[in-house]
């Protein structure tokens, strides 16, 4: 059976209309799940959206603050598809410690614990989150077991050898990283779930409100073509939206991430650029 068309999980009205793309209104969930939430809350949301998300080839999550929504989507496919390779394009490891459940910077660790996931590859990291100064914040066991692998551009990973971590690497350029990754992934078997956070892209390509990587769109397109034929499903995040949390804790914790403020008059222009990028990604993912 052919997969269903793309779907927008519309928490924050950040994803502009796309051809053939349905929309599921979820604004009433935004405060509860944006940035992070208890696992029980995520499970309740997963149950509500499951009828709409089942069988979808590509799902848009909205702001990068919702990237942890990848977890229930991957879990659903892992249960049906056997051992999955999960490939994530992201400027951040998303494998960090978080004591209050799951959030947009910790979800990779939760995915790596799913029995049907063979490995989570996070590609395009330039963030200092992968460096020595933030080593203590990273979940080390999945890195040591190579259930999570960092594919970085720039950050020095020398600190990892002291913890027995050998599966993660850093490169001088995106081209070098993708060449090495191509050799590695082609030697693996199984289907691939692909998750794209557009903060992996250079600011010259599109603007997000997170610190951004250095990847160009043509490089991302080449990587997607490399994976074609094995992708069972995908999600896309990294849109821009403005939101003020009612929760003081969320205001505090999101403030610690020092996200760049977006001028309201600039928001429509930024979102229109994202719409153009999303159209291109859909063309690549659904040739």
Foldseek 3Di string as FASTA:
>chain_A
DAFQEEEEADQFPQADDDPNYYYDDDVVCCLAQFQHHAPVSLVVVLVVCVVVLPRYFEYEHEALSRQLNVQSVVLVVLVPFAEEEEEEEDQAQLCFDDDHHHTSSRNLVVNLPRPRYQAYEYELHPDCCQADVNVVGGDLPCQQVRNYEYEYAHHDNPVNVVVNGDRYDYDPDNVVSLVVVLVVVVPDDTAYEYEYAVLSDDVVQADAQANHGHDDPVSVLVSLVSRPPRHSHYYYHRGYGDDDHPDPVVNVVVVVRVGHDDDPVCRVVRSVSVNVSVNVVVVSSPD
